[in-house]
Amino acid sequence: MSFFEGNIKHLSTNDSHHIGELDIDIHEGNVNNYNAVHKMDSMFKGTKQKRELIFIFGVLSIEEVKELIESSNPNSIFIILETNQEMFYHALHNKDLSILENRNIALFVDKTDYVAKYIEELLMTKAVFLIKNVRFYLTYYYRELQLVHTKELLKIVSSTIKYTLFSLGNSIEDSLEGLENNMLNLKYLRKSRDFSKLKNVFKGYPCIVVSAGPSLDKNIGYLKQAQGKAVILAVDTIIDKLLNHGIVPDFCFSIERIKLVYEYFYQDKIIPDSVTLIAPPVIRPEIFEEFKGNISIPMRDNVIEYSWLNDILELDEEAFVSMGASVAHLTFGFATHIGSSPIILVGQDLAYNQETGSTHSTGTIYKNDESKIAEDYVETEGYYGKSVKTQRLWIDFKQWFELEIMSKGLEVINATEGGVKIEFTKQMRLKDVIDKYCTLELNVQKIINNINNYQLDEARVLNNFYNKLEELKELQAVVREVENQLNHIKIDNHMSKKELLKVLEKMGVVNQLIDKVYNKKILLHNLQSFIINIFQRFYSIPEKLSFDTVHTNLEIQREFVLTLNVVIKRIIKIMEEKYSLMREIR
């Protein structure tokens, strides 16, 4: 059997791999120049004591990869990223890739543009539980000959991991509150324009994303000239100010579930019915209930809870959109979804006003005083090249924009005229942008009014919902039994090693539950931050058999099962209370 035939067999036994469409005109070129057998980089020290999530750049030097894996904890997860098709092609035909049958190894072979999406999907699996134990390893070709490309890959992977960690910041209670809002708001799908039908509906038209940064004060007046000639998108914070200036946006956006968003931006506000609201179902129900114009409810891309929700609703995949970590990110994600080009950023400072210290444009709910500059501010390159004061969180927000722009090849113009410099954008004055790009008449509301509402099969939705509820009830019975077994385990510091091994054997029943949590998306979403912390504590236990290690392990497992039981009970209660509301979707 040839290497090629054997390797195809090895790859086919592991469904964790992602192999993109290969270029039929691949030329191996100078691959042989890099094909010498290389030993593992001596700077990288493998460890058997710690489970890790290790990203490996490059598959050609498979000998290095094997050495690394053999020196690491066998329960670690290894992600091999190969963006050079020629390297993969050569390895496929000339190397023994049998190690790729290991289901703790996932190989990605595709264009750099698809790396971020792959990492996001990867972190919706059990790999997320190792997200605080991440390391990178560069094989010979990537560390010696492709440093520029390697830095680009590192930035993509690091930024994606960072945003995943940010999204995991919610407590269990906060996540459950979000679930409750999602359940409450399902009935509004019947009046929602089908978000999937908005895909590329404004393809080629300019779109202006209006955020609430302090620089907006200097150029807000020009926006009126763009009305009817560009798609104008406004974050919720800035709606009032735009309306007060006689500027009516085509769309407004909200993403936060807190009640203050409703009270500050929507309660008793007069928003023209020509404005369409774009918001995920996690926001306060009062907003959907009282909004006079059109609404369109998207699902949040690469969030496990919304994947679970879509198992029930069976919406088109284009009903999902990237929302990042802020309302400005949602707004930008929508601009991408509708196919607008160029996308024009206004008021996207992501920095303090360098003279007044303000964080937002005047006329918003936020006070603009010097005291708002945090003591732990950082400095970064500004719009005009000089350093500006900002926050680490805002730099993270900036990097999200940069990753989206770079990975999707978007044409984006930053017309903020202040704040931070956003890479991969073209900088222009807003007046010049409008004069150049906003030249054709555009009736946004007419187009939106022609979009149909979601069409859901009520019977299927109700059946899917019922099945999900019954699955949780079945698991609840298993969890209660395991909790009872753990609580009856006796342990004392006089036990022999043989007796301690028997205790560990009894505790093994928890492994079944962990597998079940992996396979229940709604539990994985609500518990993932908690489980990550549990795993961190578990992995910190020394790998030796003693009363202390077994006792600590047992206490961690009892805490895990107790919390799991409480959360399942809460989710079942929420679903049962909201089941009747599912009948109102149609």
Foldseek 3Di string as FASTA:
>chain_A
DFLLVQVVVLQVLAPQEAADDADPPDDLPVVVVVQDADAADPVDQADQLFAAEEEEEACSNVVNVVVNCVRHHVNHAYEYEYARRSSVVCCSRPHRPNVSSRNSYYYYYHHLLCLLVSLLLVCLFPNVLRLVRYDYGYPDCDVPPPVVVNVVSVLSNVLSSVLVVVLLPDALVRLLLLVLLLLVQLLLLLQAFQQLVLFQQVAAAEEEEEEFFALCVVPVLLQQLLVQQGQYEYEQQCCVVCVVSVHAHQEYEDEDADCVSCVFRPVVDDHDQNYEYEYASSHHPVRSVPRNHHYHHAFEPSALVSVLLCLQFVGDPLSYWHQGDGRSSPRVRSCVRNNYPQYEYASLQQAADQPARAGGHPPGPDDGHNVPQDPPWDWDQKPVGDIGTHHPVSVSVLSVVLSVCVSVVHAYEYQHPIHHDRPPYHYDHPNVCCVPRRDDGHDSSVSSVPRHRDDTDLVSSLVSLVVLLVVLVVVLVVLVVLLVQLVPDDADQVDDLVVLVVSVVSNCSVVVVVVVCSVNSSSCNSCVSVSSVLVVQLSPQGPDRGRVSSVSVSVSSSVVSVVSSVSSVSVSVSSVVSSVVSNSND
